[in-house]
């Protein structure tokens, strides 16, 4: 996530915005768990995995909106 943005910019936003930081960390945790489930390391049922994927997508969308809002303020 945010691969196309400057790492320094992402880190600055995480330092400045506690909600962004919390959501970013939550997304990373979900991403790791989903990956582990998909490769069979984390045994969970399909319904739980589906819910985790939806939650991860929601977090990503919220992060992107926060990023876009920040960009509009700077430009």
N, C-alpha and C. Protein backbone atom coordinates (compact mmCIF):
# COMPACT_ATOMS: atom_id res chain seq x y z
N UNK A 1 0.84 -1.18 0.00
CA UNK A 1 0.00 0.00 0.00
C UNK A 1 0.88 1.24 0.00
N UNK A 2 0.48 2.22 -0.76
CA UNK A 2 1.20 3.47 -0.90
C UNK A 2 2.60 3.26 -1.47
N UNK A 3 2.74 2.23 -2.34
CA UNK A 3 4.03 1.94 -2.94
C UNK A 3 4.49 3.09 -3.84
N UNK A 4 3.55 3.81 -4.42
CA UNK A 4 3.90 4.88 -5.34
C UNK A 4 4.20 6.20 -4.64
N UNK A 5 3.93 6.28 -3.34
CA UNK A 5 4.18 7.50 -2.61
C UNK A 5 5.57 7.42 -1.96
N UNK A 6 6.10 8.57 -1.67
CA UNK A 6 7.39 8.64 -1.01
C UNK A 6 7.27 8.10 0.41
N UNK A 7 8.17 7.22 0.78
CA UNK A 7 8.15 6.62 2.12
C UNK A 7 8.18 7.70 3.21
N UNK A 8 8.97 8.74 2.98
CA UNK A 8 9.06 9.83 3.96
C UNK A 8 7.71 10.51 4.16
N UNK A 9 6.96 10.67 3.07
CA UNK A 9 5.64 11.30 3.16
C UNK A 9 4.67 10.44 3.97
N UNK A 10 4.71 9.13 3.74
CA UNK A 10 3.84 8.21 4.46
C UNK A 10 4.21 8.22 5.94
N UNK A 11 5.50 8.16 6.23
CA UNK A 11 5.94 8.17 7.62
C UNK A 11 5.59 9.48 8.31
N UNK A 12 5.69 10.59 7.60
CA UNK A 12 5.33 11.88 8.18
C UNK A 12 3.85 11.92 8.53
N UNK A 13 3.01 11.38 7.65
CA UNK A 13 1.57 11.35 7.94
C UNK A 13 1.28 10.44 9.12
N UNK A 14 1.99 9.33 9.22
CA UNK A 14 1.77 8.43 10.37
C UNK A 14 2.16 9.12 11.67
N UNK A 15 3.21 9.91 11.65
CA UNK A 15 3.62 10.64 12.85
C UNK A 15 2.63 11.73 13.22
N UNK A 16 2.07 12.38 12.19
CA UNK A 16 1.19 13.52 12.42
C UNK A 16 -0.25 13.12 12.73
N UNK A 17 -0.67 11.94 12.30
CA UNK A 17 -2.08 11.56 12.40
C UNK A 17 -2.20 10.19 13.06
N UNK A 18 -2.62 10.18 14.32
CA UNK A 18 -2.72 8.94 15.08
C UNK A 18 -3.72 7.97 14.46
N UNK A 19 -4.82 8.49 13.89
CA UNK A 19 -5.82 7.62 13.28
C UNK A 19 -5.24 6.94 12.03
N UNK A 20 -4.54 7.71 11.22
CA UNK A 20 -3.90 7.14 10.03
C UNK A 20 -2.91 6.06 10.45
N UNK A 21 -2.09 6.33 11.45
CA UNK A 21 -1.10 5.37 11.93
C UNK A 21 -1.77 4.09 12.42
N UNK A 22 -2.82 4.22 13.22
CA UNK A 22 -3.53 3.06 13.74
C UNK A 22 -4.13 2.23 12.61
N UNK A 23 -4.77 2.91 11.68
CA UNK A 23 -5.41 2.23 10.56
C UNK A 23 -4.37 1.58 9.64
N UNK A 24 -3.25 2.23 9.43
CA UNK A 24 -2.17 1.69 8.60
C UNK A 24 -1.62 0.41 9.24
N UNK A 25 -1.39 0.45 10.53
CA UNK A 25 -0.88 -0.74 11.24
C UNK A 25 -1.91 -1.87 11.23
N UNK A 26 -3.17 -1.52 11.39
CA UNK A 26 -4.24 -2.52 11.35
C UNK A 26 -4.29 -3.17 9.97
N UNK A 27 -4.18 -2.38 8.93
CA UNK A 27 -4.18 -2.91 7.56
C UNK A 27 -3.01 -3.86 7.35
N UNK A 28 -1.84 -3.48 7.84
CA UNK A 28 -0.66 -4.34 7.70
C UNK A 28 -0.86 -5.67 8.42
N UNK A 29 -1.45 -5.64 9.62
CA UNK A 29 -1.73 -6.87 10.37
C UNK A 29 -2.70 -7.76 9.61
N UNK A 30 -3.77 -7.16 9.10
CA UNK A 30 -4.74 -7.92 8.31
C UNK A 30 -4.10 -8.51 7.06
N UNK A 31 -3.28 -7.74 6.40
CA UNK A 31 -2.61 -8.20 5.19
C UNK A 31 -1.75 -9.43 5.50
N UNK A 32 -1.04 -9.39 6.59
CA UNK A 32 -0.20 -10.51 6.99
C UNK A 32 -1.04 -11.75 7.32
N UNK A 33 -2.13 -11.55 8.05
CA UNK A 33 -2.99 -12.67 8.41
C UNK A 33 -3.67 -13.29 7.18
N UNK A 34 -4.14 -12.44 6.26
CA UNK A 34 -4.76 -12.93 5.04
C UNK A 34 -3.75 -13.73 4.23
N UNK A 35 -2.56 -13.20 4.11
CA UNK A 35 -1.51 -13.92 3.38
C UNK A 35 -1.23 -15.27 4.02
N UNK A 36 -1.06 -15.28 5.34
CA UNK A 36 -0.80 -16.54 6.05
C UNK A 36 -1.94 -17.53 5.87
N UNK A 37 -3.16 -17.05 5.88
CA UNK A 37 -4.32 -17.93 5.70
C UNK A 37 -4.34 -18.50 4.28
N UNK A 38 -4.01 -17.67 3.32
CA UNK A 38 -4.04 -18.11 1.92
C UNK A 38 -2.96 -19.16 1.61
N UNK A 39 -1.84 -19.09 2.31
CA UNK A 39 -0.79 -20.09 2.06
C UNK A 39 -0.89 -21.28 3.01
N UNK A 40 -1.88 -21.25 3.89
CA UNK A 40 -2.13 -22.38 4.76
C UNK A 40 -1.42 -22.38 6.09
N UNK A 41 -0.73 -21.30 6.41
CA UNK A 41 -0.01 -21.20 7.68
C UNK A 41 -0.96 -20.87 8.84
N UNK A 42 -1.99 -20.09 8.54
CA UNK A 42 -2.98 -19.70 9.54
C UNK A 42 -4.29 -20.41 9.20
N UNK A 43 -4.63 -21.43 9.96
CA UNK A 43 -5.85 -22.19 9.64
C UNK A 43 -7.12 -21.46 10.11
N UNK A 44 -7.86 -20.91 9.14
CA UNK A 44 -9.14 -20.28 9.45
C UNK A 44 -10.14 -20.69 8.38
N UNK A 45 -11.41 -20.58 8.72
CA UNK A 45 -12.45 -20.97 7.77
C UNK A 45 -12.65 -19.88 6.72
N UNK A 46 -13.31 -20.26 5.64
CA UNK A 46 -13.51 -19.35 4.50
C UNK A 46 -14.30 -18.11 4.88
N UNK A 47 -15.28 -18.24 5.75
CA UNK A 47 -16.09 -17.09 6.15
C UNK A 47 -15.25 -16.07 6.92
N UNK A 48 -14.41 -16.56 7.80
CA UNK A 48 -13.53 -15.65 8.55
C UNK A 48 -12.55 -14.97 7.62
N UNK A 49 -11.98 -15.73 6.69
CA UNK A 49 -11.05 -15.15 5.72
C UNK A 49 -11.74 -14.08 4.88
N UNK A 50 -12.94 -14.36 4.44
CA UNK A 50 -13.69 -13.40 3.66
C UNK A 50 -13.94 -12.12 4.45
N UNK A 51 -14.28 -12.26 5.71
CA UNK A 51 -14.50 -11.10 6.57
C UNK A 51 -13.23 -10.28 6.76
N UNK A 52 -12.10 -10.98 6.90
CA UNK A 52 -10.82 -10.29 7.05
C UNK A 52 -10.47 -9.52 5.78
N UNK A 53 -10.75 -10.12 4.63
CA UNK A 53 -10.47 -9.44 3.36
C UNK A 53 -11.33 -8.19 3.21
N UNK A 54 -12.59 -8.27 3.60
CA UNK A 54 -13.48 -7.11 3.52
C UNK A 54 -13.00 -6.01 4.46
N UNK A 55 -12.61 -6.40 5.67
CA UNK A 55 -12.12 -5.43 6.64
C UNK A 55 -10.83 -4.77 6.14
N UNK A 56 -9.96 -5.57 5.54
CA UNK A 56 -8.71 -5.05 4.98
C UNK A 56 -9.00 -4.06 3.86
N UNK A 57 -9.94 -4.38 2.98
CA UNK A 57 -10.31 -3.48 1.89
C UNK A 57 -10.89 -2.18 2.43
N UNK A 58 -11.75 -2.28 3.44
CA UNK A 58 -12.33 -1.08 4.04
C UNK A 58 -11.23 -0.19 4.62
N UNK A 59 -10.27 -0.80 5.31
CA UNK A 59 -9.16 -0.03 5.88
C UNK A 59 -8.35 0.64 4.78
N UNK A 60 -8.10 -0.09 3.70
CA UNK A 60 -7.33 0.47 2.59
C UNK A 60 -8.06 1.65 1.96
N UNK A 61 -9.36 1.51 1.77
CA UNK A 61 -10.14 2.60 1.19
C UNK A 61 -10.12 3.84 2.09
N UNK A 62 -10.25 3.62 3.38
CA UNK A 62 -10.23 4.74 4.34
C UNK A 62 -8.85 5.41 4.33
N UNK A 63 -7.79 4.61 4.31
CA UNK A 63 -6.44 5.17 4.25
C UNK A 63 -6.25 6.00 2.97
N UNK A 64 -6.75 5.49 1.87
CA UNK A 64 -6.60 6.21 0.61
C UNK A 64 -7.35 7.54 0.66
N UNK A 65 -8.54 7.55 1.25
CA UNK A 65 -9.29 8.81 1.39
C UNK A 65 -8.52 9.80 2.27
N UNK A 66 -7.94 9.29 3.35
CA UNK A 66 -7.17 10.15 4.24
C UNK A 66 -5.95 10.71 3.50
N UNK A 67 -5.30 9.87 2.72
CA UNK A 67 -4.14 10.30 1.94
C UNK A 67 -4.54 11.37 0.92
N UNK A 68 -5.64 11.10 0.22
CA UNK A 68 -6.12 12.06 -0.79
C UNK A 68 -6.50 13.39 -0.15
N UNK A 69 -7.16 13.35 1.00
CA UNK A 69 -7.53 14.58 1.71
C UNK A 69 -6.28 15.37 2.08
N UNK A 70 -5.26 14.69 2.52
CA UNK A 70 -3.99 15.32 2.88
C UNK A 70 -3.37 15.96 1.65
N UNK A 71 -3.40 15.27 0.54
CA UNK A 71 -2.81 15.77 -0.70
C UNK A 71 -3.49 17.04 -1.17
N UNK A 72 -4.81 17.10 -1.02
CA UNK A 72 -5.56 18.29 -1.43
C UNK A 72 -5.18 19.49 -0.57
N UNK A 73 -4.86 19.26 0.68
CA UNK A 73 -4.49 20.36 1.56
C UNK A 73 -3.13 20.93 1.21
N UNK A 74 -2.25 20.07 0.71
CA UNK A 74 -0.88 20.50 0.39
C UNK A 74 -0.84 21.22 -0.95
N UNK A 75 -1.60 20.72 -1.91
CA UNK A 75 -1.55 21.28 -3.28
C UNK A 75 -2.43 22.47 -3.45
